[in-house]
Amino acid sequence: MSKAAVATIWLDGCSGCHMSLLDMDERLLDLAEKIELVYSPLVDNKEMPDQIDVFLVEGAVSSEEDYHKIKEIRKRTRILVALGDCAVGGNIPAMRNTIPVEELLDDAYIRKAQENPLHPTEVVPALRPKTVPLHEVVKVDVFVQGCPPSADTIYFTIAELLEGRIPDLNDRTRPGA
């Protein structure tokens, strides 16, 4: 039996959902028998495969880099999972939406700079006008709420998907918990 190709990534978020993923502890060994982790900040493979069965995406879309990544992820993925409140609804990263990008950058890189006051042109990705949840950019197949979702909820989600079922998370998740 071939293993399911599973991938993870975090966009604009804190990586807390990935910490919950790791909190599955010994259940990770159970999953390892059924999945191959083909792309993730948690593994060495830095090339995204063309065909991914399940992609767990943490974080909101805040930058041009995030936008292009999520578009590419959607093209390559059979089931896209919005993992956590940032991916599902924007959460903390979206709090910047009330401030125009230019004003935000001026405050962070010009007015509060101790030395070298200038906007970054390298390393820091260009911000989009608004931070948005994944579903405002691409089709999302499964929404897993929580900040972060519990390890139990993430395990249940993956296990259900591996069995060919879309998980019913109504009694397992809610925003912020």
Protein backbone atom coordinates (compact mmCIF):
# COMPACT_ATOMS: atom_id res chain seq x y z
CA MET A 1 0.00 0.00 0.00
CA SER A 2 1.44 3.38 -0.95
CA LYS A 3 1.63 6.15 1.59
CA ALA A 4 -0.30 9.39 1.28
CA ALA A 5 1.83 12.41 0.38
CA VAL A 6 1.28 14.98 3.15
CA ALA A 7 2.77 18.46 3.38
CA THR A 8 2.66 21.36 5.82
CA ILE A 9 3.58 25.02 5.68
CA TRP A 10 3.08 28.16 7.70
CA LEU A 11 2.35 31.46 6.07
CA ASP A 12 1.73 34.53 8.28
CA GLY A 13 1.29 32.94 11.68
CA CYS A 14 3.22 31.92 14.76
CA SER A 15 3.89 28.22 14.04
CA GLY A 16 1.69 27.25 17.00
CA CYS A 17 -0.32 24.87 14.82
CA HIS A 18 2.90 23.06 13.92
CA MET A 19 3.70 22.80 17.63
CA SER A 20 0.30 21.13 18.14
CA LEU A 21 1.09 18.80 15.26
CA LEU A 22 4.26 17.74 17.07
CA ASP A 23 2.26 17.37 20.30
CA MET A 24 0.68 14.25 18.82
CA ASP A 25 3.68 12.48 20.34
CA GLU A 26 3.58 8.70 19.74
CA ARG A 27 0.61 9.07 17.38
CA LEU A 28 3.12 10.54 14.92
CA LEU A 29 4.54 7.03 14.66
CA ASP A 30 1.09 5.67 13.78
CA LEU A 31 0.77 8.31 11.07
CA ALA A 32 4.28 7.61 9.77
CA GLU A 33 3.08 4.16 8.72
CA LYS A 34 0.42 5.75 6.47
CA ILE A 35 1.93 9.03 5.27
CA GLU A 36 5.08 10.41 3.79
CA LEU A 37 5.81 13.97 4.89
CA VAL A 38 6.95 15.28 1.52
CA TYR A 39 7.28 19.01 2.28
CA SER A 40 7.33 20.96 5.53
CA PRO A 41 9.39 23.38 7.59
CA LEU A 42 9.87 20.33 9.82
CA VAL A 43 11.81 18.29 7.21
CA ASP A 44 14.82 18.77 4.97
CA ASN A 45 13.03 18.50 1.62
CA LYS A 46 12.73 22.09 0.33
CA GLU A 47 11.28 21.24 -3.09
CA MET A 48 7.48 21.06 -3.19
CA PRO A 49 6.30 17.94 -5.06
CA ASP A 50 3.82 18.23 -7.92
CA GLN A 51 1.22 15.90 -6.39
CA ILE A 52 0.27 16.23 -2.72
CA ASP A 53 -2.64 14.35 -1.21
CA VAL A 54 -3.15 16.49 1.91
CA PHE A 55 -1.61 19.90 2.56
CA LEU A 56 -1.98 21.43 6.05
CA VAL A 57 -1.61 25.20 5.77
CA GLU A 58 -1.12 27.33 8.86
CA GLY A 59 -1.28 31.13 8.76
CA ALA A 60 -2.99 33.87 6.82
CA VAL A 61 -2.09 35.41 3.46
CA SER A 62 -0.34 38.70 4.25
CA SER A 63 2.46 39.09 1.73
CA GLU A 64 2.98 38.67 -1.99
CA GLU A 65 5.11 35.63 -1.14
CA ASP A 66 2.21 34.06 0.85
CA TYR A 67 -0.17 34.79 -2.03
CA HIS A 68 2.01 33.07 -4.63
CA LYS A 69 2.75 30.13 -2.31
CA ILE A 70 -0.92 29.40 -1.59
CA LYS A 71 -1.79 29.60 -5.29
CA GLU A 72 0.97 27.10 -6.09
CA ILE A 73 -0.02 24.86 -3.17
CA ARG A 74 -3.63 24.73 -4.40
CA LYS A 75 -2.51 23.67 -7.90
CA ARG A 76 -0.53 20.76 -6.50
CA THR A 77 -2.91 19.58 -3.77
CA ARG A 78 -5.88 17.24 -3.69
CA ILE A 79 -7.12 18.25 -0.20
CA LEU A 80 -6.15 21.64 1.24
CA VAL A 81 -6.64 22.05 5.00
CA ALA A 82 -6.82 25.52 6.57
CA LEU A 83 -5.16 24.74 9.90
CA GLY A 84 -5.89 27.14 12.75
CA ASP A 85 -7.62 30.48 13.20
CA CYS A 86 -5.11 32.48 11.13
CA ALA A 87 -5.69 30.25 8.09
CA VAL A 88 -9.45 30.02 8.72
CA GLY A 89 -10.22 33.66 9.56
CA GLY A 90 -7.10 35.84 9.49
CA ASN A 91 -6.85 36.09 13.30
CA ILE A 92 -3.89 38.06 14.74
CA PRO A 93 -2.13 38.78 11.41
CA ALA A 94 -5.31 40.47 10.14
CA MET A 95 -5.24 42.98 12.99
CA ARG A 96 -3.00 45.14 10.79
CA ASN A 97 -5.82 45.57 8.25
CA THR A 98 -6.97 48.84 9.84
CA ILE A 99 -3.61 50.47 9.06
CA PRO A 100 -2.62 51.26 5.45
CA VAL A 101 0.50 49.31 4.44
CA GLU A 102 2.60 52.41 3.75
CA GLU A 103 1.78 53.81 7.20
CA LEU A 104 2.58 50.48 8.83
CA LEU A 105 5.95 50.28 7.09
CA ASP A 106 6.76 53.91 7.90
CA ASP A 107 6.04 53.29 11.57
CA ALA A 108 8.06 50.07 11.77
CA TYR A 109 11.02 50.98 9.58
CA ILE A 110 11.26 54.78 9.54
CA ARG A 111 9.78 56.42 12.66
CA LYS A 112 10.92 53.74 15.10
CA ALA A 113 14.29 52.98 13.50
CA GLN A 114 17.33 53.54 15.69
CA GLU A 115 19.60 53.65 12.64
CA ASN A 116 19.28 53.21 8.87
CA PRO A 117 15.63 54.35 8.54
CA LEU A 118 14.37 52.88 5.26
CA HIS A 119 11.80 50.44 3.99
CA PRO A 120 13.19 46.94 3.42
CA THR A 121 13.69 45.98 -0.21
CA GLU A 122 15.24 42.56 0.42
CA VAL A 123 14.48 39.60 2.71
CA VAL A 124 11.18 41.04 4.02
CA PRO A 125 8.39 40.08 1.57
CA ALA A 126 6.18 42.84 0.17
CA LEU A 127 2.91 43.15 2.11
CA ARG A 128 -0.45 42.90 0.40
CA PRO A 129 -2.99 45.65 1.13
CA LYS A 130 -4.93 43.36 3.51
CA THR A 131 -4.27 40.11 5.34
CA VAL A 132 -6.87 37.50 4.41
CA PRO A 133 -7.72 33.91 5.34
CA LEU A 134 -6.89 31.19 2.82
CA HIS A 135 -10.42 30.78 1.45
CA GLU A 136 -10.36 34.36 0.13
CA VAL A 137 -7.54 33.37 -2.22
CA VAL A 138 -8.04 29.65 -3.00
CA LYS A 139 -10.56 26.86 -2.48
CA VAL A 140 -10.18 25.25 0.94
CA ASP A 141 -11.48 21.73 1.50
CA VAL A 142 -11.30 21.46 5.31
CA PHE A 143 -11.37 24.20 7.97
CA VAL A 144 -9.80 23.35 11.35
CA GLN A 145 -10.43 26.12 13.88
CA GLY A 146 -8.42 26.75 17.02
CA CYS A 147 -5.52 28.87 18.16
CA PRO A 148 -3.94 26.45 17.91
CA PRO A 149 -6.11 23.40 17.25
CA SER A 150 -5.37 20.63 19.71
CA ALA A 151 -3.14 17.71 18.80
CA ASP A 152 -6.22 15.48 19.17
CA THR A 153 -8.13 17.55 16.61
CA ILE A 154 -5.25 17.56 14.14
CA TYR A 155 -4.77 13.81 14.51
CA PHE A 156 -8.50 13.20 14.04
CA THR A 157 -8.50 15.40 10.92
CA ILE A 158 -5.56 13.61 9.32
CA ALA A 159 -6.87 10.15 10.28
CA GLU A 160 -10.28 10.89 8.77
CA LEU A 161 -8.75 12.24 5.56
CA LEU A 162 -6.55 9.15 5.25
CA GLU A 163 -9.71 7.04 5.48
CA GLY A 164 -11.25 9.04 2.64
CA ARG A 165 -13.65 11.01 4.83
CA ILE A 166 -14.01 14.74 5.32
CA PRO A 167 -13.84 15.13 9.11
CA ASP A 168 -16.84 16.41 11.02
CA LEU A 169 -15.21 18.90 13.37
CA ASN A 170 -18.37 20.57 14.70
CA ASP A 171 -17.98 19.13 18.20
CA ARG A 172 -14.18 19.34 18.25
CA THR A 173 -13.27 22.92 17.35
CA ARG A 174 -14.22 26.52 17.81
CA PRO A 175 -12.36 29.78 17.19
CA GLY A 176 -9.56 30.47 19.64
CA ALA A 177 -9.75 27.12 21.40
